[in-house]
Protein backbone atom coordinates (compact mmCIF):
# COMPACT_ATOMS: atom_id res chain seq x y z
CA MET A 1 101.69 -11.14 71.01
CA SER A 2 99.45 -11.68 67.74
CA ALA A 3 99.36 -8.76 65.22
CA THR A 4 95.57 -8.43 65.74
CA ALA A 5 96.00 -8.66 69.51
CA LYS A 6 94.79 -5.08 71.45
CA PRO A 7 97.84 -3.67 73.72
CA GLN A 8 95.82 -3.52 77.48
CA ALA A 9 95.31 -0.21 78.60
CA VAL A 10 97.86 0.79 81.74
CA ARG A 11 96.46 1.12 84.81
CA GLY A 12 97.45 4.10 86.96
CA ARG A 13 96.38 6.10 89.80
CA PRO A 14 93.25 7.53 89.01
CA LYS A 15 93.28 11.44 88.26
CA THR A 16 93.84 13.51 91.46
CA LEU A 17 91.17 16.59 91.58
CA ALA A 18 92.73 20.38 92.02
CA ASP A 19 91.42 21.81 95.42
CA ASP A 20 89.78 24.77 93.73
CA ASP A 21 87.71 21.58 91.89
CA ARG A 22 87.08 19.92 95.12
CA ARG A 23 85.94 22.93 96.91
CA ALA A 24 83.23 23.72 94.06
CA LEU A 25 82.05 20.34 94.04
CA LEU A 26 81.79 20.35 98.23
CA LEU A 27 79.68 23.63 97.74
CA THR A 28 77.15 22.31 95.43
CA ALA A 29 76.45 19.55 97.40
CA ALA A 30 76.14 21.44 100.35
CA MET A 31 73.68 23.71 98.61
CA THR A 32 71.58 20.33 97.71
CA VAL A 33 72.19 18.97 101.40
CA PHE A 34 70.94 22.25 103.20
CA ILE A 35 68.19 22.93 101.08
CA GLU A 36 67.10 19.44 101.68
CA LYS A 37 67.49 18.55 105.13
CA GLY A 38 68.45 22.23 106.81
CA PHE A 39 71.14 23.33 108.77
CA ALA A 40 70.61 21.70 111.76
CA ARG A 41 70.19 18.60 110.12
CA ALA A 42 72.35 18.52 107.54
CA THR A 43 75.77 16.54 108.67
CA THR A 44 79.46 16.66 107.38
CA SER A 45 78.94 13.53 106.32
CA ASP A 46 76.13 14.19 104.45
CA ILE A 47 77.61 16.78 102.18
CA ALA A 48 80.79 14.82 102.00
CA THR A 49 78.99 11.69 100.64
CA ARG A 50 77.00 14.02 98.05
CA ALA A 51 80.10 14.96 96.70
CA GLY A 52 81.61 11.52 96.68
CA MET A 53 84.60 12.81 99.12
CA SER A 54 85.80 11.97 102.78
CA LYS A 55 85.35 13.78 105.21
CA ARG A 56 88.64 14.15 105.71
CA ASP A 57 88.94 15.99 102.18
CA LEU A 58 86.27 17.86 103.31
CA TYR A 59 87.74 19.13 106.85
CA ARG A 60 91.11 19.93 104.90
CA LEU A 61 89.32 22.18 102.96
CA PHE A 62 86.58 23.82 105.32
CA ALA A 63 86.63 24.09 109.05
CA ASP A 64 83.04 23.05 110.09
CA LYS A 65 79.73 22.79 108.99
CA THR A 66 79.23 26.71 109.42
CA GLU A 67 81.79 27.48 107.24
CA LEU A 68 80.63 25.17 104.84
CA PHE A 69 76.74 27.01 104.96
CA THR A 70 78.44 30.76 104.45
CA GLN A 71 81.22 29.81 102.05
CA THR A 72 77.85 28.55 100.09
CA ILE A 73 75.94 31.60 100.53
CA LEU A 74 79.12 33.64 99.74
CA SER A 75 79.46 31.45 96.24
CA ARG A 76 76.22 32.06 94.87
CA ARG A 77 74.90 35.26 96.40
CA HIS A 78 75.90 37.26 93.02
CA LEU A 79 72.20 35.59 91.85
CA ILE A 80 70.49 37.86 94.40
CA LEU A 81 72.23 41.07 93.52
CA ASP A 82 74.71 42.31 90.98
CA LEU A 83 76.54 44.44 93.14
CA PRO A 84 78.28 46.16 93.19
CA ARG A 85 78.82 47.73 90.06
CA GLU A 86 81.60 49.11 88.17
CA ASP A 87 81.77 52.90 88.76
CA ALA A 88 81.19 53.26 84.68
CA ASP A 89 78.11 51.35 84.07
CA ASP A 90 76.05 54.31 82.48
CA LEU A 91 72.90 52.12 81.99
CA PRO A 92 69.47 53.96 82.41
CA PRO A 93 67.93 52.92 86.11
CA ARG A 94 65.44 50.91 84.78
CA GLU A 95 68.15 48.83 83.08
CA ALA A 96 70.83 49.30 85.53
CA LEU A 97 67.94 47.52 88.28
CA ARG A 98 66.85 44.85 85.83
CA HIS A 99 70.66 43.61 86.16
CA ILE A 100 71.34 44.15 89.74
CA PHE A 101 68.37 42.26 90.66
CA ARG A 102 68.87 39.61 88.29
CA LEU A 103 65.96 39.71 85.73
CA ASP A 104 68.19 38.78 83.15
CA LEU A 105 69.24 35.16 84.48
CA ASP A 106 68.30 32.04 82.64
CA ASP A 107 65.61 29.48 83.91
CA ARG A 108 68.06 27.43 85.62
CA GLU A 109 70.13 29.99 87.43
CA ALA A 110 66.75 31.49 88.85
CA ALA A 111 65.60 28.54 90.48
CA GLU A 112 68.89 28.36 91.97
CA ARG A 113 68.58 31.64 93.08
CA ASP A 114 65.17 31.21 94.29
CA ALA A 115 66.20 28.24 96.34
CA LEU A 116 69.07 30.16 97.73
CA MET A 117 66.60 32.81 98.64
CA ASN A 118 64.13 30.38 100.22
CA LEU A 119 66.94 28.71 102.15
CA ILE A 120 68.66 32.08 103.55
CA ALA A 121 65.18 32.99 104.66
CA ARG A 122 64.29 29.69 106.01
CA GLU A 123 67.71 29.04 108.00
CA SER A 124 67.50 33.04 109.02
CA LEU A 125 63.84 32.82 111.22
CA GLN A 126 65.53 28.69 112.46
CA VAL A 127 68.57 28.97 113.39
CA PRO A 128 69.02 32.92 113.83
CA GLU A 129 72.86 32.80 114.53
CA LEU A 130 72.98 31.43 111.11
CA ASN A 131 71.04 35.04 110.39
CA ALA A 132 73.69 36.87 112.70
CA LEU A 133 76.88 35.65 111.65
CA LEU A 134 75.81 36.42 107.41
CA TYR A 135 75.49 39.92 108.41
CA ASP A 136 78.36 40.07 110.50
CA THR A 137 80.93 38.79 108.04
CA GLY A 138 78.89 40.77 105.24
CA ILE A 139 78.11 37.95 103.14
CA ILE A 140 74.62 39.61 102.93
CA ARG A 141 74.92 43.28 102.56
CA SER A 142 72.40 43.66 100.02
CA ARG A 143 70.58 46.14 101.34
CA GLU A 144 73.74 48.48 101.86
CA LEU A 145 75.61 47.60 98.76
CA LEU A 146 71.92 48.90 97.24
CA ILE A 147 71.89 51.78 98.84
CA ASP A 148 75.68 52.63 98.08
CA TRP A 149 75.15 52.27 94.31
CA LEU A 150 71.65 54.65 94.92
CA GLU A 151 74.17 57.06 96.14
CA ILE A 152 76.13 57.50 92.98
CA GLN A 153 73.48 57.78 91.13
CA MET A 154 71.45 60.51 93.12
CA ALA A 155 75.11 61.95 92.83
CA ARG A 156 75.25 61.95 88.50
CA GLY A 157 71.85 63.08 88.33
CA THR A 158 70.44 59.80 87.16
CA LEU A 159 67.86 59.37 90.19
CA PRO A 160 66.63 62.47 91.63
CA ARG A 161 68.17 63.38 95.61
CA GLY A 162 65.88 61.73 98.53
CA ASP A 163 66.32 59.01 101.22
CA THR A 164 68.20 56.31 99.84
CA ALA A 165 67.70 54.13 102.87
CA SER A 166 64.18 53.82 102.44
CA LEU A 167 64.22 53.98 98.73
CA ALA A 168 66.37 50.86 98.81
CA GLY A 169 64.02 48.78 101.20
CA LEU A 170 61.03 49.62 98.78
CA LEU A 171 63.00 48.14 96.09
CA MET A 172 63.98 45.25 97.96
CA ASP A 173 60.60 44.74 98.91
CA VAL A 174 59.07 44.96 95.71
CA VAL A 175 61.53 42.66 93.82
CA PHE A 176 61.83 40.06 96.37
CA GLY A 177 57.61 40.31 97.08
CA ALA A 178 57.88 38.90 93.77
CA LEU A 179 60.08 36.26 94.29
CA LEU A 180 58.90 34.84 97.23
CA PRO A 181 55.61 35.17 97.77
CA ARG A 182 54.00 33.89 100.62
CA ARG A 183 51.76 31.39 99.27
CA HIS A 184 53.45 28.52 98.16
CA ARG A 185 53.01 27.76 94.25
CA LYS A 186 51.29 24.98 93.25
CA ALA A 187 53.30 25.30 89.01
CA PRO A 188 56.29 25.68 87.91
CA SER A 189 57.32 30.32 87.99
CA ASP A 190 56.61 31.39 84.21
CA ARG A 191 59.73 33.85 84.27
CA THR A 192 58.70 35.70 81.87
CA HIS A 193 55.53 36.62 83.61
CA GLN A 194 57.95 37.16 86.56
CA ARG A 195 59.94 39.22 85.01
CA GLN A 196 57.32 41.52 83.67
CA GLU A 197 55.67 42.04 86.88
CA ILE A 198 59.05 42.73 88.71
CA LEU A 199 59.61 45.52 85.99
CA ALA A 200 56.28 47.10 86.94
CA ARG A 201 56.70 47.32 90.04
CA ILE A 202 60.25 48.85 88.83
CA ASP A 203 58.19 51.45 86.59
CA ILE A 204 55.86 52.52 89.33
CA VAL A 205 59.08 53.57 91.58
CA LEU A 206 60.53 55.14 88.97
CA THR A 207 57.60 57.52 88.04
CA GLY A 208 56.73 57.93 91.79
CA LEU A 209 60.66 59.12 91.82
CA SER A 210 60.29 61.67 88.34
CA HIS A 211 57.39 63.21 89.99
CA LEU A 212 59.15 63.68 93.41
CA ASP A 213 61.66 65.75 91.50
CA HIS A 214 59.02 67.50 89.33
CA ALA A 215 57.93 68.22 93.29
CA ASP A 216 60.40 70.00 93.83
């Protein structure tokens, strides 16, 4: 071999992915496929192909399409509600609620959150057994987790005593009602305006609680 000749690259077996990486790829692919096709029309072949894997790899990590759906929601539920929170969380209620309802997400994460919420809402109506499964397995417990947080705040005195179940429902209505409008948006969401609108709604709720406290 001449002095100027370049040594040939040694070919070996391609680097194999760890199972955690494979799971992450499959869950990302599943999210995309479920959004595009819906649960009923999506297939494990679609998901495996989108992830660049074989069905054998998929079934080694997930039992079936239903488990893929529930694990997809589970892996992203932190985008909807940041609960439970640390007991030592001493933020003022308004600031804590800003974090709890994930008004701190960047544009990419917020878009993924919106897609996730739309997916859950759509599939819960079209495939009712999925809705029951998500609640029965504890994957979607947003209202219950918010009630727990409110009870802690009332016990600390940072919020006046009241009906935590009704308050949790009210907060979720005012926030998620802005995130999931009834009319389809023709233009991309103005995230800054959206956050300001939601915080204004939260301020109204907290102001009402303050008046209730004084009335007692």
